[in-house]
């Protein structure tokens, strides 16, 4: 029963603290001011070539 109590205490305190710190870190990372350009670029990337498909730059001209 001692192992159960230890694991229960560990999960109640330290695991909760670790998950909270990870969550706050992710939120701060996403909403940082320097990431605005990258996020806007990713959000608008599907609308770049609306009139025609993008040119295939991987094929060599034959």
PDB file of N, CA and C in Angstrom:
ATOM      1  N   UNK A   1       0.822  -1.195   0.000  1.00  0.00           N
ATOM      2  CA  UNK A   1       0.000   0.000   0.000  1.00  0.00           C
ATOM      3  C   UNK A   1       0.864   1.255   0.000  1.00  0.00           C
ATOM      4  N   UNK A   2       2.092   1.129   0.454  1.00  0.00           N
ATOM      5  CA  UNK A   2       2.989   2.276   0.506  1.00  0.00           C
ATOM      6  C   UNK A   2       3.320   2.787  -0.895  1.00  0.00           C
ATOM      7  N   UNK A   3       3.474   1.881  -1.848  1.00  0.00           N
ATOM      8  CA  UNK A   3       3.771   2.279  -3.228  1.00  0.00           C
ATOM      9  C   UNK A   3       2.606   3.064  -3.823  1.00  0.00           C
ATOM     10  N   UNK A   4       1.394   2.600  -3.564  1.00  0.00           N
ATOM     11  CA  UNK A   4       0.217   3.299  -4.068  1.00  0.00           C
ATOM     12  C   UNK A   4       0.152   4.722  -3.520  1.00  0.00           C
ATOM     13  N   UNK A   5       0.387   4.888  -2.254  1.00  0.00           N
ATOM     14  CA  UNK A   5       0.338   6.222  -1.641  1.00  0.00           C
ATOM     15  C   UNK A   5       1.403   7.137  -2.235  1.00  0.00           C
ATOM     16  N   UNK A   6       2.591   6.582  -2.452  1.00  0.00           N
ATOM     17  CA  UNK A   6       3.663   7.380  -3.045  1.00  0.00           C
ATOM     18  C   UNK A   6       3.304   7.812  -4.465  1.00  0.00           C
ATOM     19  N   UNK A   7       2.820   6.878  -5.268  1.00  0.00           N
ATOM     20  CA  UNK A   7       2.462   7.211  -6.652  1.00  0.00           C
ATOM     21  C   UNK A   7       1.288   8.177  -6.704  1.00  0.00           C
ATOM     22  N   UNK A   8       0.350   8.023  -5.803  1.00  0.00           N
ATOM     23  CA  UNK A   8      -0.798   8.926  -5.746  1.00  0.00           C
ATOM     24  C   UNK A   8      -0.348  10.345  -5.387  1.00  0.00           C
ATOM     25  N   UNK A   9       0.531  10.464  -4.438  1.00  0.00           N
ATOM     26  CA  UNK A   9       1.064  11.773  -4.048  1.00  0.00           C
ATOM     27  C   UNK A   9       1.865  12.387  -5.186  1.00  0.00           C
ATOM     28  N   UNK A  10       2.664  11.563  -5.845  1.00  0.00           N
ATOM     29  CA  UNK A  10       3.455  12.040  -6.975  1.00  0.00           C
ATOM     30  C   UNK A  10       2.554  12.556  -8.094  1.00  0.00           C
ATOM     31  N   UNK A  11       1.504  11.809  -8.411  1.00  0.00           N
ATOM     32  CA  UNK A  11       0.589  12.220  -9.473  1.00  0.00           C
ATOM     33  C   UNK A  11      -0.193  13.465  -9.082  1.00  0.00           C
ATOM     34  N   UNK A  12      -0.578  13.558  -7.835  1.00  0.00           N
ATOM     35  CA  UNK A  12      -1.370  14.709  -7.387  1.00  0.00           C
ATOM     36  C   UNK A  12      -0.573  16.002  -7.366  1.00  0.00           C
ATOM     37  N   UNK A  13       0.695  15.924  -7.062  1.00  0.00           N
ATOM     38  CA  UNK A  13       1.450  17.161  -6.902  1.00  0.00           C
ATOM     39  C   UNK A  13       2.393  17.430  -8.067  1.00  0.00           C
ATOM     40  N   UNK A  14       3.391  16.585  -8.252  1.00  0.00           N
ATOM     41  CA  UNK A  14       4.445  16.878  -9.218  1.00  0.00           C
ATOM     42  C   UNK A  14       3.987  16.714 -10.660  1.00  0.00           C
ATOM     43  N   UNK A  15       3.181  15.718 -10.946  1.00  0.00           N
ATOM     44  CA  UNK A  15       2.704  15.543 -12.320  1.00  0.00           C
ATOM     45  C   UNK A  15       1.781  16.695 -12.713  1.00  0.00           C
ATOM     46  N   UNK A  16       0.937  17.112 -11.789  1.00  0.00           N
ATOM     47  CA  UNK A  16       0.064  18.252 -12.066  1.00  0.00           C
ATOM     48  C   UNK A  16       0.877  19.520 -12.286  1.00  0.00           C
ATOM     49  N   UNK A  17       1.895  19.709 -11.493  1.00  0.00           N
ATOM     50  CA  UNK A  17       2.766  20.871 -11.657  1.00  0.00           C
ATOM     51  C   UNK A  17       3.494  20.823 -12.998  1.00  0.00           C
ATOM     52  N   UNK A  18       4.001  19.660 -13.367  1.00  0.00           N
ATOM     53  CA  UNK A  18       4.717  19.519 -14.641  1.00  0.00           C
ATOM     54  C   UNK A  18       3.795  19.786 -15.824  1.00  0.00           C
ATOM     55  N   UNK A  19       2.593  19.244 -15.798  1.00  0.00           N
ATOM     56  CA  UNK A  19       1.657  19.473 -16.898  1.00  0.00           C
ATOM     57  C   UNK A  19       1.233  20.935 -16.981  1.00  0.00           C
ATOM     58  N   UNK A  20       1.081  21.591 -15.852  1.00  0.00           N
ATOM     59  CA  UNK A  20       0.740  23.014 -15.850  1.00  0.00           C
ATOM     60  C   UNK A  20       1.869  23.847 -16.440  1.00  0.00           C
ATOM     61  N   UNK A  21       3.099  23.523 -16.084  1.00  0.00           N
ATOM     62  CA  UNK A  21       4.253  24.250 -16.631  1.00  0.00           C
ATOM     63  C   UNK A  21       4.361  24.032 -18.135  1.00  0.00           C
ATOM     64  N   UNK A  22       4.135  22.811 -18.595  1.00  0.00           N
ATOM     65  CA  UNK A  22       4.173  22.533 -20.037  1.00  0.00           C
ATOM     66  C   UNK A  22       3.075  23.308 -20.755  1.00  0.00           C
ATOM     67  N   UNK A  23       1.877  23.334 -20.200  1.00  0.00           N
ATOM     68  CA  UNK A  23       0.766  24.062 -20.813  1.00  0.00           C
ATOM     69  C   UNK A  23       1.074  25.554 -20.912  1.00  0.00           C
ATOM     70  N   UNK A  24       1.569  26.134 -19.843  1.00  0.00           N
ATOM     71  CA  UNK A  24       1.904  27.561 -19.857  1.00  0.00           C
ATOM     72  C   UNK A  24       3.020  27.829 -20.865  1.00  0.00           C
ATOM     73  N   UNK A  25       3.990  26.941 -20.945  1.00  0.00           N
ATOM     74  CA  UNK A  25       5.071  27.097 -21.918  1.00  0.00           C
ATOM     75  C   UNK A  25       4.576  27.069 -23.348  1.00  0.00           C
ATOM     76  N   UNK A  26       3.654  26.170 -23.658  1.00  0.00           N
ATOM     77  CA  UNK A  26       3.100  26.097 -25.012  1.00  0.00           C
ATOM     78  C   UNK A  26       2.306  27.357 -25.332  1.00  0.00           C
ATOM     79  N   UNK A  27       1.510  27.828 -24.395  1.00  0.00           N
ATOM     80  CA  UNK A  27       0.718  29.045 -24.623  1.00  0.00           C
ATOM     81  C   UNK A  27       1.628  30.248 -24.843  1.00  0.00           C
ATOM     82  N   UNK A  28       2.669  30.380 -24.055  1.00  0.00           N
ATOM     83  CA  UNK A  28       3.609  31.492 -24.228  1.00  0.00           C
ATOM     84  C   UNK A  28       4.320  31.377 -25.569  1.00  0.00           C
ATOM     85  N   UNK A  29       4.697  30.166 -25.959  1.00  0.00           N
ATOM     86  CA  UNK A  29       5.380  29.963 -27.236  1.00  0.00           C
ATOM     87  C   UNK A  29       4.475  30.337 -28.410  1.00  0.00           C
ATOM     88  N   UNK A  30       3.218  29.970 -28.356  1.00  0.00           N
ATOM     89  CA  UNK A  30       2.301  30.247 -29.463  1.00  0.00           C
ATOM     90  C   UNK A  30       1.994  31.733 -29.577  1.00  0.00           C
ATOM     91  N   UNK A  31       1.824  32.415 -28.475  1.00  0.00           N
ATOM     92  CA  UNK A  31       1.424  33.817 -28.505  1.00  0.00           C
ATOM     93  C   UNK A  31       2.587  34.792 -28.365  1.00  0.00           C
ATOM     94  N   UNK A  32       3.805  34.343 -28.599  1.00  0.00           N
ATOM     95  CA  UNK A  32       4.944  35.258 -28.525  1.00  0.00           C
ATOM     96  C   UNK A  32       4.898  36.224 -29.710  1.00  0.00           C
ATOM     97  N   UNK A  33       5.293  37.472 -29.527  1.00  0.00           N
ATOM     98  CA  UNK A  33       5.209  38.469 -30.597  1.00  0.00           C
ATOM     99  C   UNK A  33       6.075  38.141 -31.810  1.00  0.00           C
ATOM    100  N   UNK A  34       7.214  37.522 -31.620  1.00  0.00           N
ATOM    101  CA  UNK A  34       8.092  37.250 -32.764  1.00  0.00           C
ATOM    102  C   UNK A  34       7.572  36.126 -33.652  1.00  0.00           C
ATOM    103  N   UNK A  35       6.601  35.367 -33.204  1.00  0.00           N
ATOM    104  CA  UNK A  35       6.066  34.278 -34.011  1.00  0.00           C
ATOM    105  C   UNK A  35       4.876  34.675 -34.862  1.00  0.00           C
ATOM    106  N   UNK A  36       4.490  35.918 -34.806  1.00  0.00           N
ATOM    107  CA  UNK A  36       3.304  36.364 -35.531  1.00  0.00           C
ATOM    108  C   UNK A  36       3.458  36.195 -37.036  1.00  0.00           C
ATOM    109  N   UNK A  37       4.618  36.525 -37.577  1.00  0.00           N
ATOM    110  CA  UNK A  37       4.834  36.430 -39.019  1.00  0.00           C
ATOM    111  C   UNK A  37       4.751  34.973 -39.491  1.00  0.00           C
ATOM    112  N   UNK A  38       5.367  34.079 -38.766  1.00  0.00           N
ATOM    113  CA  UNK A  38       5.352  32.661 -39.137  1.00  0.00           C
ATOM    114  C   UNK A  38       3.943  32.085 -39.049  1.00  0.00           C
ATOM    115  N   UNK A  39       3.191  32.465 -38.030  1.00  0.00           N
ATOM    116  CA  UNK A  39       1.825  31.969 -37.892  1.00  0.00           C
ATOM    117  C   UNK A  39       0.923  32.522 -38.987  1.00  0.00           C
ATOM    118  N   UNK A  40       1.093  33.790 -39.335  1.00  0.00           N
ATOM    119  CA  UNK A  40       0.290  34.374 -40.403  1.00  0.00           C
ATOM    120  C   UNK A  40       0.636  33.736 -41.744  1.00  0.00           C
ATOM    121  N   UNK A  41       1.913  33.476 -41.973  1.00  0.00           N
ATOM    122  CA  UNK A  41       2.347  32.820 -43.201  1.00  0.00           C
ATOM    123  C   UNK A  41       1.753  31.416 -43.300  1.00  0.00           C
ATOM    124  N   UNK A  42       1.755  30.675 -42.207  1.00  0.00           N
ATOM    125  CA  UNK A  42       1.188  29.325 -42.213  1.00  0.00           C
ATOM    126  C   UNK A  42      -0.324  29.360 -42.420  1.00  0.00           C
ATOM    127  N   UNK A  43      -0.992  30.349 -41.846  1.00  0.00           N
ATOM    128  CA  UNK A  43      -2.441  30.441 -41.978  1.00  0.00           C
ATOM    129  C   UNK A  43      -2.868  30.802 -43.393  1.00  0.00           C
ATOM    130  N   UNK A  44      -2.063  31.606 -44.084  1.00  0.00           N
ATOM    131  CA  UNK A  44      -2.433  32.060 -45.422  1.00  0.00           C
ATOM    132  C   UNK A  44      -1.795  31.242 -46.534  1.00  0.00           C
ATOM    133  N   UNK A  45      -1.034  30.217 -46.204  1.00  0.00           N
ATOM    134  CA  UNK A  45      -0.303  29.460 -47.226  1.00  0.00           C
ATOM    135  C   UNK A  45      -1.229  28.719 -48.184  1.00  0.00           C
ATOM    136  N   UNK A  46      -2.411  28.333 -47.754  1.00  0.00           N
ATOM    137  CA  UNK A  46      -3.301  27.597 -48.647  1.00  0.00           C
ATOM    138  C   UNK A  46      -3.974  28.507 -49.667  1.00  0.00           C
ATOM    139  N   UNK A  47      -3.880  29.811 -49.504  1.00  0.00           N
ATOM    140  CA  UNK A  47      -4.516  30.748 -50.422  1.00  0.00           C
ATOM    141  C   UNK A  47      -3.535  31.401 -51.390  1.00  0.00           C
ATOM    142  N   UNK A  48      -2.302  30.981 -51.433  1.00  0.00           N
ATOM    143  CA  UNK A  48      -1.288  31.655 -52.246  1.00  0.00           C
ATOM    144  C   UNK A  48      -1.533  31.530 -53.739  1.00  0.00           C
ATOM    145  N   UNK A  49      -1.919  30.380 -54.215  1.00  0.00           N
ATOM    146  CA  UNK A  49      -2.060  30.142 -55.651  1.00  0.00           C
ATOM    147  C   UNK A  49      -3.514  29.809 -55.979  1.00  0.00           C
ATOM    148  N   UNK A  50      -4.387  30.786 -55.828  1.00  0.00           N
ATOM    149  CA  UNK A  50      -5.804  30.528 -56.044  1.00  0.00           C
ATOM    150  C   UNK A  50      -6.168  30.425 -57.516  1.00  0.00           C
ATOM    151  N   UNK A  51      -5.485  31.139 -58.399  1.00  0.00           N
ATOM    152  CA  UNK A  51      -5.883  31.142 -59.801  1.00  0.00           C
ATOM    153  C   UNK A  51      -5.343  29.953 -60.570  1.00  0.00           C
ATOM    154  N   UNK A  52      -4.165  29.475 -60.210  1.00  0.00           N
ATOM    155  CA  UNK A  52      -3.582  28.312 -60.883  1.00  0.00           C
ATOM    156  C   UNK A  52      -2.650  27.603 -59.912  1.00  0.00           C
ATOM    157  N   UNK A  53      -2.369  26.356 -60.174  1.00  0.00           N
ATOM    158  CA  UNK A  53      -1.461  25.640 -59.268  1.00  0.00           C
ATOM    159  C   UNK A  53      -0.058  26.233 -59.303  1.00  0.00           C
ATOM    160  N   UNK A  54       0.659  26.032 -58.268  1.00  0.00           N
ATOM    161  CA  UNK A  54       2.040  26.503 -58.211  1.00  0.00           C
ATOM    162  C   UNK A  54       2.886  25.713 -59.194  1.00  0.00           C
ATOM    163  N   UNK A  55       3.929  26.357 -59.694  1.00  0.00           N
ATOM    164  CA  UNK A  55       4.821  25.679 -60.623  1.00  0.00           C
ATOM    165  C   UNK A  55       5.625  24.629 -59.888  1.00  0.00           C
ATOM    166  N   UNK A  56       5.870  23.520 -60.569  1.00  0.00           N
ATOM    167  CA  UNK A  56       6.656  22.447 -59.985  1.00  0.00           C
ATOM    168  C   UNK A  56       8.129  22.759 -60.182  1.00  0.00           C
ATOM    169  N   UNK A  57       8.820  23.084 -59.122  1.00  0.00           N
ATOM    170  CA  UNK A  57      10.215  23.485 -59.223  1.00  0.00           C
ATOM    171  C   UNK A  57      11.168  22.300 -59.106  1.00  0.00           C
ATOM    172  N   UNK A  58      10.646  21.115 -58.878  1.00  0.00           N
ATOM    173  CA  UNK A  58      11.520  19.958 -58.711  1.00  0.00           C
ATOM    174  C   UNK A  58      11.852  19.296 -60.039  1.00  0.00           C
ATOM    175  N   UNK A  59      11.000  19.461 -61.037  1.00  0.00           N
ATOM    176  CA  UNK A  59      11.268  18.848 -62.343  1.00  0.00           C
ATOM    177  C   UNK A  59      12.298  19.673 -63.102  1.00  0.00           C
ATOM    178  N   UNK A  60      13.189  18.981 -63.776  1.00  0.00           N
ATOM    179  CA  UNK A  60      14.160  19.665 -64.626  1.00  0.00           C
ATOM    180  C   UNK A  60      13.558  19.831 -66.012  1.00  0.00           C
ATOM    181  N   UNK A  61      13.865  20.955 -66.652  1.00  0.00           N
ATOM    182  CA  UNK A  61      13.372  21.180 -68.011  1.00  0.00           C
ATOM    183  C   UNK A  61      14.060  20.212 -68.956  1.00  0.00           C
ATOM    184  N   UNK A  62      13.263  19.583 -69.800  1.00  0.00           N
ATOM    185  CA  UNK A  62      13.826  18.587 -70.722  1.00  0.00           C
ATOM    186  C   UNK A  62      13.993  19.155 -72.092  1.00  0.00           C
TER     187      UNK A  62
END
